Amino acid sequence: MEIISFILIISQLFFTVIAAMYFYLTLKSQYGSKPAKKPEYKKEAQRLYKMRCVRLTEPLSEKTRPEEINQIIGQDKGIKALRAALCGENPQHILIYGPPGVGKTAAARLILEEAKNNKKSPFKSNAKFVELDATTLQFDERSIADPLIGSVHDPIYQGAGSFGSAGIPQPKEGAVTKAHGGVLFIDEIGELHPIQMNKLLKVLEDRKVFFTSSYYNSDDKNIPGYIKDIFECGLPADFRLIGATTRSPEEIPPALRSRCTEIYFDSLNEDEIELIGENACANLGVNFENGVLNTLSKYCSNGRSAVNLIQAAYSYAENENRFFIKKADLEQAIQMSRLIPKYIKKINASPEIGYVNALGVSGFEGIMLGLEAYVKKASPNEESVIKITGVANEQIIKNKNGSIKRKSTVRESVENALTLINAITSIDYKDYNIHLNFPGAIPIDGPSAGAAIFTALYSSFFDLYIDNKTAITGEISIKGNILPVGGIKEKLDAAAQAGIKTVIMPKSNMQENFNKTNINIIPVENINQLIEAVFEQQIFNNSNIGLSSDSFLDLA
């Protein structure tokens, strides 16, 4: 019996020791692993220190980065709108449209600093500006990691640490929480994955982030109180979103647009590009030859490309031990970069028959293009034809949400114009060979060129000259009305750059501030007013034209 009792005591002692070791190892894993050896720690710390001591020269792009709002060139109206949307008592979410390299990010950052100095603003002095780039913003669809919204680190995943060993899920905050009380700036927001976009919209609505996990149990007493609070009440995410994009508004989800104030930053004109180039040279401490800035403005459309080109040209000069940029240096940099000059249409030297200046928009830039029309009566046995050349008939716009195929409606606009000419004159266009040409092969959607198409055809049928200093934009209906079009501001900028003195546009597009430009603007509502605006002097002062009152549509 004594032997049996002894064996039982030894067995109990053995199992007690095993259990004690198990709990010891469990507690040890919960409170951290074995500390790193001091020699290894010192070695890695020294290596990190040496890496931080190595620095290259500051890039010119960083030297020229605006530090004050007045250093942002060419965006006065956009900055004024940005200030109005962000610096008041109730700041708004904002979408900024515009080409790359025109100062969208810099303006947003500097305007937040202005808002923080406004006593009425809800932004405190420590409000953060958290910046993300949607093109590099990766996330895991299983919600293991999401740098934008945040995620939950469940115990089953590697690296869960002491909480993982205890079976506790760990919420990880994302950028929306880091920006709490400040601004979250997302560059190229149009590139966000649809799942991320939907999550972001939910956060904007709730102003907090909620997490879920199958490992969370509200009755589990091992879960710390702050983690329970996160799962029950969410993480705060009360911020203002500023999204920047180079895409067109039609490519941005309507649900996001409806929550934001939309602001447009303009493309830079030649004078503004020259000023940016001059500032870049000043930051480098170098002089430049006459013609350098003018050449720069012909090849660059944004500030970033202008600064980079100046840097490249200076590198050629520096290799020859010169602190002076020659035009040849810049031309060499242009040649090696395979750049082509910007398309800038200038007005023709004199008025012509069948040639009209039409205004359009390409991307974020207004353009002026010439529209040529030629008509000739077909012979009795000849079948008449209508030719339209120089038009890109189809565009495919791709993004992460898929692709959009957009077909040009120029032919429909031509048919509308011919129907109107047939209605107001005795001319049957089916008796004529008609050729319209859009030089330059620029993608043309069609409707906004309707009024210009009508004018070119009317001019060709009646041998009437069109003023070379006049440009036209507007859509036409088969009832003879001139309908509103988009991009008027950009079109007016392009007209001014081309040397246009008069612009004829839809009356419904007219705004009071357009009268402050150096261009004479003639608003029209119908083709009668269009004909009078373009041809009045020739029609009523030249008896050889022979047009009667039937040449106008009865719009009474």
Protein backbone atom coordinates (compact mmCIF):
# COMPACT_ATOMS: atom_id res chain seq x y z
CA MET A 1 0.00 0.00 0.00
CA GLU A 2 2.82 2.34 0.88
CA ILE A 3 4.38 1.71 -2.54
CA ILE A 4 1.09 2.47 -4.31
CA SER A 5 0.63 5.68 -2.32
CA PHE A 6 4.17 6.73 -3.17
CA ILE A 7 3.58 6.13 -6.87
CA LEU A 8 0.35 8.18 -6.77
CA ILE A 9 2.14 11.07 -5.06
CA ILE A 10 4.94 11.00 -7.63
CA SER A 11 2.37 10.90 -10.49
CA GLN A 12 0.46 13.86 -9.08
CA LEU A 13 3.69 15.79 -8.65
CA PHE A 14 4.70 14.99 -12.24
CA PHE A 15 1.40 16.19 -13.72
CA THR A 16 1.50 19.30 -11.52
CA VAL A 17 4.93 20.16 -12.90
CA ILE A 18 3.72 19.58 -16.50
CA ALA A 19 0.66 21.80 -15.93
CA ALA A 20 2.81 24.51 -14.35
CA MET A 21 5.19 24.49 -17.31
CA TYR A 22 2.24 24.73 -19.75
CA PHE A 23 0.76 27.76 -18.02
CA TYR A 24 4.20 29.34 -17.69
CA LEU A 25 4.86 28.99 -21.42
CA THR A 26 1.38 30.35 -22.23
CA LEU A 27 1.90 33.41 -20.06
CA LYS A 28 5.36 33.91 -21.52
CA SER A 29 3.96 33.88 -25.08
CA GLN A 30 1.26 36.36 -24.09
CA TYR A 31 3.69 38.86 -22.65
CA GLY A 32 6.29 38.72 -25.35
CA SER A 33 8.98 36.50 -26.67
CA LYS A 34 12.58 36.30 -25.60
CA PRO A 35 14.21 39.73 -25.85
CA ALA A 36 16.71 40.28 -28.62
CA LYS A 37 20.38 40.02 -27.79
CA LYS A 38 22.01 43.40 -27.14
CA PRO A 39 24.86 42.93 -29.69
CA GLU A 40 22.33 42.22 -32.47
CA TYR A 41 20.21 45.19 -31.41
CA LYS A 42 23.17 47.56 -31.45
CA LYS A 43 24.32 46.27 -34.82
CA GLU A 44 20.94 46.89 -36.46
CA ALA A 45 20.61 50.29 -34.79
CA GLN A 46 24.02 51.33 -36.15
CA ARG A 47 23.13 50.14 -39.64
CA LEU A 48 19.88 52.15 -39.54
CA TYR A 49 21.78 55.22 -38.33
CA LYS A 50 24.29 54.95 -41.17
CA MET A 51 21.49 54.63 -43.73
CA ARG A 52 19.84 57.79 -42.41
CA CYS A 53 23.11 59.70 -42.67
CA VAL A 54 23.23 59.12 -46.44
CA ARG A 55 21.31 61.80 -48.34
CA LEU A 56 21.29 62.81 -51.98
CA THR A 57 20.75 66.34 -53.18
CA GLU A 58 17.23 67.74 -52.93
CA PRO A 59 15.32 67.26 -56.22
CA LEU A 60 14.26 70.42 -58.02
CA SER A 61 10.63 69.30 -57.77
CA GLU A 62 10.92 69.52 -53.96
CA LYS A 63 12.68 72.89 -54.07
CA THR A 64 9.89 74.35 -56.18
CA ARG A 65 7.04 72.85 -54.14
CA PRO A 66 4.77 75.72 -53.01
CA GLU A 67 5.08 76.66 -49.36
CA GLU A 68 2.56 79.48 -49.56
CA ILE A 69 -0.78 79.61 -51.34
CA ASN A 70 0.29 82.54 -53.55
CA GLN A 71 3.08 80.37 -54.99
CA ILE A 72 0.55 78.16 -56.77
CA ILE A 73 0.39 79.53 -60.31
CA GLY A 74 -2.67 79.75 -62.54
CA GLN A 75 -5.31 78.45 -60.10
CA ASP A 76 -6.73 81.60 -58.51
CA LYS A 77 -10.36 80.65 -59.12
CA GLY A 78 -9.87 77.05 -57.99
CA ILE A 79 -8.11 78.17 -54.81
CA LYS A 80 -10.88 80.68 -54.07
CA ALA A 81 -13.47 77.90 -54.41
CA LEU A 82 -11.35 75.55 -52.28
CA ARG A 83 -11.04 78.18 -49.57
CA ALA A 84 -14.81 78.75 -49.58
CA ALA A 85 -15.52 75.02 -49.27
CA LEU A 86 -12.99 74.23 -46.52
CA CYS A 87 -12.33 77.33 -44.42
CA GLY A 88 -15.82 78.11 -43.16
CA GLU A 89 -17.81 76.98 -40.15
CA ASN A 90 -19.11 73.93 -42.01
CA PRO A 91 -16.34 72.54 -44.28
CA GLN A 92 -17.44 70.32 -47.15
CA HIS A 93 -16.16 67.16 -48.77
CA ILE A 94 -14.44 68.16 -52.01
CA LEU A 95 -13.64 66.67 -55.41
CA ILE A 96 -10.92 68.47 -57.38
CA TYR A 97 -10.78 67.83 -61.14
CA GLY A 98 -7.79 68.85 -63.18
CA PRO A 99 -4.78 67.70 -65.18
CA PRO A 100 -1.72 66.37 -63.33
CA GLY A 101 0.96 68.71 -62.04
CA VAL A 102 -1.16 71.87 -61.61
CA GLY A 103 -1.06 72.09 -57.80
CA LYS A 104 -4.12 70.16 -56.56
CA THR A 105 -2.31 68.45 -53.66
CA ALA A 106 -0.30 71.50 -52.63
CA ALA A 107 -3.40 73.70 -52.66
CA ALA A 108 -5.38 71.27 -50.50
CA ARG A 109 -2.57 71.02 -47.94
CA LEU A 110 -2.06 74.79 -47.70
CA ILE A 111 -5.79 75.57 -47.53
CA LEU A 112 -6.11 73.27 -44.51
CA GLU A 113 -3.42 75.36 -42.78
CA GLU A 114 -5.50 78.47 -43.52
CA ALA A 115 -8.61 76.78 -42.13
CA LYS A 116 -6.78 75.89 -38.90
CA ASN A 117 -6.07 79.58 -38.35
CA ASN A 118 -9.75 80.50 -38.72
CA LYS A 119 -11.38 80.76 -35.29
CA LYS A 120 -14.75 79.75 -36.72
CA SER A 121 -13.38 76.60 -38.34
CA PRO A 122 -13.94 73.22 -36.59
CA PHE A 123 -10.39 72.19 -37.55
CA LYS A 124 -8.10 72.36 -34.52
CA SER A 125 -4.45 73.38 -34.62
CA ASN A 126 -3.40 69.71 -34.57
CA ALA A 127 -5.69 68.66 -37.44
CA LYS A 128 -3.86 66.18 -39.67
CA PHE A 129 -3.52 66.08 -43.45
CA VAL A 130 -3.43 62.37 -44.30
CA GLU A 131 -2.45 61.75 -47.92
CA LEU A 132 -3.03 58.56 -49.93
CA ASP A 133 -2.65 57.59 -53.57
CA ALA A 134 -5.50 55.42 -54.82
CA THR A 135 -3.33 53.90 -57.58
CA THR A 136 -1.09 52.22 -54.96
CA LEU A 137 -3.70 51.62 -52.28
CA GLN A 138 -3.81 47.83 -52.05
CA PHE A 139 -6.19 45.90 -49.83
CA ASP A 140 -7.14 42.30 -49.11
CA GLU A 141 -10.68 41.31 -50.08
CA ARG A 142 -10.71 38.95 -47.05
CA SER A 143 -10.36 42.07 -44.86
CA ILE A 144 -7.01 40.94 -43.48
CA ALA A 145 -5.51 44.33 -44.39
CA ASP A 146 -7.08 47.57 -45.58
CA PRO A 147 -4.93 50.70 -45.18
CA LEU A 148 -7.85 52.97 -46.11
CA ILE A 149 -10.71 51.75 -43.90
CA GLY A 150 -8.88 49.57 -41.37
CA SER A 151 -9.16 45.86 -40.61
CA VAL A 152 -9.32 43.24 -37.88
CA HIS A 153 -6.29 41.05 -37.14
CA ASP A 154 -7.89 37.74 -36.16
CA PRO A 155 -6.03 35.24 -33.92
CA ILE A 156 -5.54 32.71 -36.73
CA TYR A 157 -3.25 34.99 -38.73
CA GLN A 158 0.51 34.88 -38.41
CA GLY A 159 1.96 37.58 -36.20
CA ALA A 160 -1.15 37.93 -34.04
CA GLY A 161 1.12 38.13 -30.98
CA SER A 162 -0.02 37.87 -27.38
CA PHE A 163 -3.63 38.77 -28.18
CA GLY A 164 -3.74 36.07 -30.83
CA SER A 165 -2.57 33.43 -28.36
CA ALA A 166 -5.41 34.49 -26.08
CA GLY A 167 -7.93 34.28 -28.94
CA ILE A 168 -8.60 38.04 -29.01
CA PRO A 169 -9.30 39.83 -32.37
CA GLN A 170 -7.37 43.08 -32.79
CA PRO A 171 -8.87 46.04 -34.74
CA LYS A 172 -6.30 47.98 -36.79
CA GLU A 173 -7.15 51.58 -37.64
CA GLY A 174 -6.95 52.80 -41.24
CA ALA A 175 -6.38 56.19 -42.86
CA VAL A 176 -10.00 57.29 -42.26
CA THR A 177 -9.40 57.08 -38.50
CA LYS A 178 -5.90 58.57 -38.67
CA ALA A 179 -7.48 61.58 -40.44
CA HIS A 180 -10.10 62.00 -37.69
CA GLY A 181 -10.55 65.72 -37.04
CA GLY A 182 -8.60 66.67 -40.15
CA VAL A 183 -8.45 66.05 -43.90
CA LEU A 184 -8.10 62.80 -45.81
CA PHE A 185 -6.63 63.56 -49.24
CA ILE A 186 -6.92 60.76 -51.82
CA ASP A 187 -5.06 61.42 -55.05
CA GLU A 188 -6.51 59.80 -58.20
CA ILE A 189 -9.63 58.89 -56.25
CA GLY A 190 -11.24 57.66 -59.45
CA GLU A 191 -8.88 54.65 -59.34
CA LEU A 192 -10.27 53.30 -56.07
CA HIS A 193 -11.52 49.71 -56.21
CA PRO A 194 -15.36 49.60 -56.17
CA ILE A 195 -15.34 47.72 -52.84
CA GLN A 196 -13.14 50.38 -51.25
CA MET A 197 -15.29 53.14 -52.75
CA ASN A 198 -18.46 51.66 -51.24
CA LYS A 199 -16.79 51.29 -47.85
CA LEU A 200 -15.57 54.88 -48.02
CA LEU A 201 -19.07 56.15 -48.81
CA LYS A 202 -20.40 54.31 -45.76
CA VAL A 203 -17.74 55.92 -43.57
CA LEU A 204 -18.61 59.38 -44.93
CA GLU A 205 -22.21 58.75 -43.98
CA ASP A 206 -21.61 57.31 -40.47
CA ARG A 207 -18.46 59.31 -39.61
CA LYS A 208 -17.14 56.20 -37.89
CA VAL A 209 -15.84 52.74 -38.83
CA PHE A 210 -17.43 49.51 -37.64
CA PHE A 211 -15.61 46.17 -37.55
CA THR A 212 -16.81 42.59 -37.38
CA SER A 213 -15.04 39.36 -36.48
CA SER A 214 -16.23 35.81 -35.88
CA TYR A 215 -13.73 35.72 -33.00
CA TYR A 216 -15.38 38.57 -31.14
CA ASN A 217 -17.66 37.61 -28.27
CA SER A 218 -19.06 40.39 -26.12
CA ASP A 219 -19.28 37.97 -23.16
CA ASP A 220 -15.61 37.05 -23.32
CA LYS A 221 -14.06 38.56 -20.16
CA ASN A 222 -10.54 38.16 -21.58
CA ILE A 223 -11.18 40.83 -24.21
CA PRO A 224 -9.89 44.24 -23.04
CA GLY A 225 -12.49 46.94 -22.54
CA TYR A 226 -11.17 49.26 -25.26
CA ILE A 227 -11.43 46.49 -27.88
CA LYS A 228 -15.00 45.82 -26.79
CA ASP A 229 -15.69 49.55 -27.15
CA ILE A 230 -14.31 49.52 -30.71
CA PHE A 231 -16.49 46.59 -31.75
CA GLU A 232 -19.56 48.00 -30.06
CA CYS A 233 -19.23 51.72 -30.93
CA GLY A 234 -16.76 51.78 -33.84
CA LEU A 235 -13.63 53.86 -34.39
CA PRO A 236 -14.13 57.61 -34.95
CA ALA A 237 -13.65 58.82 -38.54
CA ASP A 238 -14.99 62.37 -38.65
CA PHE A 239 -12.88 64.04 -41.32
CA ARG A 240 -13.28 65.98 -44.54
CA LEU A 241 -12.47 64.16 -47.74
CA ILE A 242 -10.60 65.87 -50.55
CA GLY A 243 -10.37 63.67 -53.61
CA ALA A 244 -8.28 64.69 -56.62
CA THR A 245 -8.62 63.14 -60.05
CA THR A 246 -7.49 63.57 -63.62
CA ARG A 247 -10.60 61.75 -64.83
CA SER A 248 -13.71 63.45 -66.17
CA PRO A 249 -16.73 63.83 -63.86
CA GLU A 250 -18.69 61.22 -65.82
CA GLU A 251 -16.15 58.58 -64.74
CA ILE A 252 -16.58 59.27 -61.01
CA PRO A 253 -19.36 57.36 -59.15
CA PRO A 254 -22.45 59.59 -58.81
CA ALA A 255 -22.82 58.56 -55.15
CA LEU A 256 -19.45 60.14 -54.36
CA ARG A 257 -20.07 63.24 -56.47
CA SER A 258 -23.39 63.88 -54.70
CA ARG A 259 -21.58 64.08 -51.35
CA CYS A 260 -18.89 66.51 -52.51
CA THR A 261 -18.42 70.07 -53.69
CA GLU A 262 -16.84 69.83 -57.15
CA ILE A 263 -13.98 72.19 -58.00
CA TYR A 264 -12.05 72.42 -61.26
CA PHE A 265 -8.37 73.31 -61.57
CA ASP A 266 -7.40 74.72 -64.96
CA SER A 267 -4.74 73.70 -67.41
CA LEU A 268 -1.83 76.12 -67.46
CA ASN A 269 -1.40 78.55 -70.34
CA GLU A 270 1.90 79.49 -71.96
CA ASP A 271 2.55 82.52 -69.73
CA GLU A 272 2.02 80.44 -66.60
CA ILE A 273 4.34 77.68 -67.81
CA GLU A 274 7.00 80.31 -68.52
CA LEU A 275 6.63 81.70 -64.99
CA ILE A 276 7.03 78.20 -63.51
CA GLY A 277 10.14 77.68 -65.64
CA GLU A 278 11.56 81.02 -64.51
CA ASN A 279 10.98 80.11 -60.85
CA ALA A 280 12.65 76.73 -61.38
CA CYS A 281 15.75 78.41 -62.81
CA ALA A 282 15.79 80.80 -59.84
CA ASN A 283 15.69 77.85 -57.42
CA LEU A 284 18.61 76.27 -59.27
CA GLY A 285 20.50 79.57 -59.21
CA VAL A 286 21.08 79.56 -62.98
CA ASN A 287 20.40 82.00 -65.82
CA PHE A 288 18.91 81.10 -69.17
CA GLU A 289 19.13 82.16 -72.78
CA ASN A 290 16.37 84.07 -74.56
CA GLY A 291 13.91 81.64 -76.06
CA VAL A 292 14.28 78.96 -73.38
CA LEU A 293 11.04 79.78 -71.57
CA ASN A 294 9.10 80.26 -74.80
CA THR A 295 10.25 76.85 -76.05
CA LEU A 296 9.39 75.32 -72.67
CA SER A 297 5.82 76.62 -72.89
CA LYS A 298 5.34 75.03 -76.31
CA TYR A 299 6.05 71.53 -75.00
CA CYS A 300 4.74 71.51 -71.41
CA SER A 301 1.16 71.69 -70.22
CA ASN A 302 1.70 71.36 -66.46
CA GLY A 303 4.11 72.56 -63.81
CA ARG A 304 5.64 69.18 -62.99
CA SER A 305 6.71 68.48 -66.57
CA ALA A 306 8.08 72.04 -66.90
CA VAL A 307 10.23 71.68 -63.77
CA ASN A 308 11.49 68.25 -64.88
CA LEU A 309 12.42 69.60 -68.31
CA ILE A 310 14.33 72.53 -66.79
CA GLN A 311 16.17 70.06 -64.53
CA ALA A 312 17.10 67.93 -67.55
CA ALA A 313 18.29 70.96 -69.54
CA TYR A 314 20.39 72.15 -66.61
CA SER A 315 22.03 68.73 -66.43
CA TYR A 316 23.35 69.21 -69.98
CA ALA A 317 24.66 72.66 -69.06
CA GLU A 318 26.22 71.35 -65.83
CA ASN A 319 28.11 68.65 -67.73
CA GLU A 320 29.83 71.47 -69.65
CA ASN A 321 30.58 73.37 -66.42
CA ARG A 322 28.04 76.08 -67.27
CA PHE A 323 25.57 77.81 -64.92
CA PHE A 324 23.65 79.02 -67.92
CA ILE A 325 20.90 77.12 -69.77
CA LYS A 326 21.03 77.50 -73.51
CA LYS A 327 18.09 76.92 -75.80
CA ALA A 328 20.12 74.06 -77.32
CA ASP A 329 20.22 72.37 -73.87
CA LEU A 330 16.46 72.48 -73.60
CA GLU A 331 15.99 71.27 -77.17
CA GLN A 332 18.31 68.35 -76.49
CA ALA A 333 16.30 67.42 -73.40
CA ILE A 334 13.08 67.67 -75.45
CA GLN A 335 14.53 65.47 -78.17
CA MET A 336 15.70 62.78 -75.75
CA SER A 337 12.27 62.78 -74.06
CA ARG A 338 10.55 62.40 -77.46
CA LEU A 339 8.19 65.27 -76.67
CA ILE A 340 5.91 66.78 -79.28
CA PRO A 341 4.66 70.37 -79.23
CA LYS A 342 1.19 71.11 -77.87
CA TYR A 343 -1.62 71.58 -80.35
CA ILE A 344 -2.42 75.30 -80.32
CA LYS A 345 -4.63 76.45 -83.18
CA LYS A 346 -4.27 80.07 -84.25
CA ILE A 347 -6.74 82.04 -86.33
CA ASN A 348 -6.35 82.15 -90.11
CA ALA A 349 -5.00 85.28 -91.78
CA SER A 350 -8.29 86.23 -93.46
CA PRO A 351 -12.02 85.32 -93.64
CA GLU A 352 -12.93 82.35 -95.83
CA ILE A 353 -16.03 80.77 -97.34
CA GLY A 354 -16.99 77.48 -95.68
CA TYR A 355 -14.37 77.71 -92.93
CA VAL A 356 -15.40 78.28 -89.31
CA ASN A 357 -13.57 78.26 -85.98
CA ALA A 358 -15.25 75.68 -83.74
CA LEU A 359 -14.63 75.39 -79.99
CA GLY A 360 -14.37 72.13 -78.09
CA VAL A 361 -12.86 70.48 -75.02
CA SER A 362 -10.23 67.73 -74.95
CA GLY A 363 -9.67 66.35 -71.46
CA PHE A 364 -9.46 69.41 -69.22
CA GLU A 365 -8.29 71.76 -71.96
CA GLY A 366 -10.31 73.86 -74.35
CA ILE A 367 -9.35 73.61 -78.02
CA MET A 368 -10.13 75.55 -81.15
CA LEU A 369 -10.29 73.64 -84.39
CA GLY A 370 -11.04 74.63 -87.92
CA LEU A 371 -14.07 73.14 -89.64
CA GLU A 372 -14.05 73.08 -93.45
CA ALA A 373 -17.15 72.61 -95.58
CA TYR A 374 -17.32 72.19 -99.38
CA VAL A 375 -20.50 71.80 -101.42
CA LYS A 376 -20.93 71.25 -105.14
CA LYS A 377 -24.07 70.51 -107.07
CA ALA A 378 -24.13 66.96 -108.38
CA SER A 379 -24.62 66.27 -112.08
CA PRO A 380 -28.08 65.02 -113.14
CA ASN A 381 -26.96 61.38 -113.40
CA GLU A 382 -24.68 61.47 -110.35
CA GLU A 383 -25.65 60.13 -106.96
CA SER A 384 -24.82 62.74 -104.34
CA VAL A 385 -22.66 61.84 -101.33
CA ILE A 386 -21.94 63.29 -97.90
CA LYS A 387 -18.36 62.88 -96.68
CA ILE A 388 -17.14 63.57 -93.14
CA THR A 389 -13.40 63.29 -92.53
CA GLY A 390 -10.95 64.02 -89.71
CA VAL A 391 -13.24 62.67 -86.97
CA ALA A 392 -12.35 59.92 -84.51
CA ASN A 393 -15.64 58.03 -84.74
CA GLU A 394 -15.19 56.00 -81.57
CA GLN A 395 -13.47 56.40 -78.18
CA ILE A 396 -12.96 53.73 -75.53
CA ILE A 397 -12.51 55.02 -71.98
CA LYS A 398 -11.22 52.41 -69.53
CA ASN A 399 -11.07 52.37 -65.75
CA LYS A 400 -11.21 49.80 -62.94
CA ASN A 401 -14.98 49.65 -63.23
CA GLY A 402 -14.79 48.54 -66.87
CA SER A 403 -14.78 50.42 -70.16
CA ILE A 404 -17.08 52.90 -71.84
CA LYS A 405 -17.41 52.97 -75.62
CA ARG A 406 -18.47 56.39 -76.87
CA LYS A 407 -19.31 57.02 -80.49
CA SER A 408 -19.10 60.39 -82.18
CA THR A 409 -22.40 62.04 -83.11
CA VAL A 410 -20.89 64.39 -85.69
CA ARG A 411 -22.82 62.76 -88.54
CA GLU A 412 -26.09 63.30 -86.65
CA SER A 413 -25.15 66.97 -86.12
CA VAL A 414 -24.46 67.31 -89.85
CA GLU A 415 -27.85 65.79 -90.67
CA ASN A 416 -29.55 68.20 -88.25
CA ALA A 417 -27.82 71.14 -89.93
CA LEU A 418 -28.82 69.98 -93.42
CA THR A 419 -32.41 69.47 -92.30
CA LEU A 420 -32.50 73.07 -91.06
CA ILE A 421 -30.97 74.42 -94.29
CA ASN A 422 -33.60 72.52 -96.26
CA ALA A 423 -36.33 73.98 -94.00
CA ILE A 424 -35.30 77.63 -94.32
CA THR A 425 -34.19 77.76 -97.97
CA SER A 426 -35.15 76.34 -101.32
CA ILE A 427 -32.02 74.18 -101.32
CA ASP A 428 -32.40 70.40 -101.40
CA TYR A 429 -29.09 69.13 -100.03
CA LYS A 430 -29.68 65.77 -101.73
CA ASP A 431 -28.80 67.47 -105.01
CA TYR A 432 -25.29 68.31 -103.71
CA ASN A 433 -22.02 66.56 -102.96
CA ILE A 434 -21.06 67.67 -99.46
CA HIS A 435 -17.70 67.27 -97.76
CA LEU A 436 -16.93 68.34 -94.18
CA ASN A 437 -13.43 68.04 -92.77
CA PHE A 438 -12.13 68.45 -89.21
CA PRO A 439 -8.34 68.95 -89.56
CA GLY A 440 -6.22 67.41 -86.83
CA ALA A 441 -8.14 64.13 -86.24
CA ILE A 442 -9.14 65.29 -82.76
CA PRO A 443 -11.84 63.18 -81.04
CA ILE A 444 -15.08 65.12 -81.53
CA ASP A 445 -18.27 64.11 -79.78
CA GLY A 446 -20.42 66.16 -82.11
CA PRO A 447 -23.34 67.99 -80.45
CA SER A 448 -21.39 71.07 -79.32
CA ALA A 449 -20.10 71.51 -82.87
CA GLY A 450 -23.65 71.62 -84.29
CA ALA A 451 -23.89 75.41 -84.58
CA ALA A 452 -20.43 75.59 -86.18
CA ILE A 453 -21.36 72.83 -88.66
CA PHE A 454 -24.53 74.68 -89.63
CA THR A 455 -22.57 77.92 -90.12
CA ALA A 456 -19.93 76.27 -92.33
CA LEU A 457 -22.59 74.61 -94.52
CA TYR A 458 -24.70 77.80 -94.76
CA SER A 459 -21.58 79.71 -95.78
CA SER A 460 -20.72 77.16 -98.49
CA PHE A 461 -24.22 77.02 -99.97
CA PHE A 462 -24.47 80.83 -100.30
CA ASP A 463 -20.79 81.78 -100.79
CA LEU A 464 -20.72 83.87 -97.62
CA TYR A 465 -17.50 84.71 -95.81
CA ILE A 466 -17.05 83.82 -92.13
CA ASP A 467 -15.05 86.20 -89.97
CA ASN A 468 -11.69 84.59 -89.14
CA LYS A 469 -11.70 86.18 -85.67
CA THR A 470 -15.04 84.63 -84.67
CA ALA A 471 -15.52 81.22 -83.01
CA ILE A 472 -18.76 79.31 -82.46
CA THR A 473 -20.02 76.67 -80.03
CA GLY A 474 -23.50 75.28 -79.37
CA GLU A 475 -25.77 72.37 -80.16
CA ILE A 476 -28.63 72.73 -82.63
CA SER A 477 -32.01 71.04 -82.68
CA ILE A 478 -34.04 70.34 -85.81
CA LYS A 479 -36.45 73.02 -84.57
CA GLY A 480 -33.67 75.60 -84.94
CA ASN A 481 -32.89 76.13 -81.26
CA ILE A 482 -29.32 76.62 -80.00
CA LEU A 483 -28.91 74.32 -77.00
CA PRO A 484 -26.43 74.61 -74.08
CA VAL A 485 -23.08 72.80 -74.10
CA GLY A 486 -20.36 72.07 -71.56
CA GLY A 487 -16.85 73.39 -71.02
CA ILE A 488 -17.61 77.03 -71.82
CA LYS A 489 -14.89 78.37 -69.57
CA GLU A 490 -12.25 76.13 -71.15
CA LYS A 491 -13.50 77.05 -74.62
CA LEU A 492 -13.23 80.76 -73.90
CA ASP A 493 -9.65 80.26 -72.68
CA ALA A 494 -8.79 78.43 -75.91
CA ALA A 495 -10.43 81.17 -77.98
CA ALA A 496 -8.43 83.88 -76.24
CA GLN A 497 -5.19 81.94 -76.70
CA ALA A 498 -5.91 81.51 -80.42
CA GLY A 499 -6.53 85.23 -80.96
CA ILE A 500 -10.34 85.10 -81.26
CA LYS A 501 -12.15 88.41 -80.75
CA THR A 502 -15.80 87.24 -80.84
CA VAL A 503 -17.42 84.05 -79.53
CA ILE A 504 -20.98 83.06 -80.41
CA MET A 505 -22.43 80.72 -77.79
CA PRO A 506 -25.81 79.50 -76.45
CA LYS A 507 -27.66 82.12 -74.45
CA SER A 508 -28.51 79.52 -71.78
CA ASN A 509 -24.76 79.12 -71.11
CA MET A 510 -24.25 82.82 -70.55
CA GLN A 511 -22.89 83.98 -67.18
CA GLU A 512 -22.27 87.50 -65.97
CA ASN A 513 -18.56 86.94 -65.33
CA PHE A 514 -18.02 86.02 -69.01
CA ASN A 515 -18.49 89.71 -69.86
CA LYS A 516 -15.33 90.49 -67.88
CA THR A 517 -13.16 88.76 -70.48
CA ASN A 518 -11.47 90.50 -73.40
CA ILE A 519 -13.67 88.59 -75.85
CA ASN A 520 -16.92 89.94 -77.27
CA ILE A 521 -19.55 87.31 -76.48
CA ILE A 522 -22.76 87.07 -78.52
CA PRO A 523 -25.39 84.82 -76.89
CA VAL A 524 -27.91 83.27 -79.29
CA GLU A 525 -31.07 81.21 -78.79
CA ASN A 526 -31.85 80.06 -82.34
CA ILE A 527 -30.40 79.87 -85.84
CA ASN A 528 -32.05 83.14 -86.89
CA GLN A 529 -29.92 84.95 -84.32
CA LEU A 530 -26.91 82.82 -85.33
CA ILE A 531 -27.29 83.76 -89.01
CA GLU A 532 -27.66 87.44 -88.15
CA ALA A 533 -24.63 87.37 -85.85
CA VAL A 534 -22.36 85.75 -88.44
CA PHE A 535 -23.70 87.00 -91.80
CA GLU A 536 -25.83 90.08 -91.07
CA GLN A 537 -23.63 92.60 -92.88
CA GLN A 538 -23.26 90.42 -95.99
CA ILE A 539 -26.93 89.41 -96.15
CA PHE A 540 -28.44 92.86 -95.74
CA ASN A 541 -25.78 94.94 -97.49
CA ASN A 542 -25.11 92.74 -100.50
CA SER A 543 -28.02 92.56 -102.92
CA ASN A 544 -26.22 89.92 -104.98
CA ILE A 545 -26.81 87.29 -102.30
CA GLY A 546 -30.50 87.27 -103.11
CA LEU A 547 -31.75 85.78 -99.83
CA SER A 548 -35.36 86.45 -98.86
CA SER A 549 -37.14 86.28 -95.55
CA ASP A 550 -37.63 82.57 -96.30
CA SER A 551 -33.98 82.15 -95.40
CA PHE A 552 -34.99 82.35 -91.75
CA LEU A 553 -36.96 79.81 -89.75
CA ASP A 554 -40.37 80.86 -88.44
CA LEU A 555 -39.85 80.53 -84.69
CA ALA A 556 -42.79 82.69 -83.64
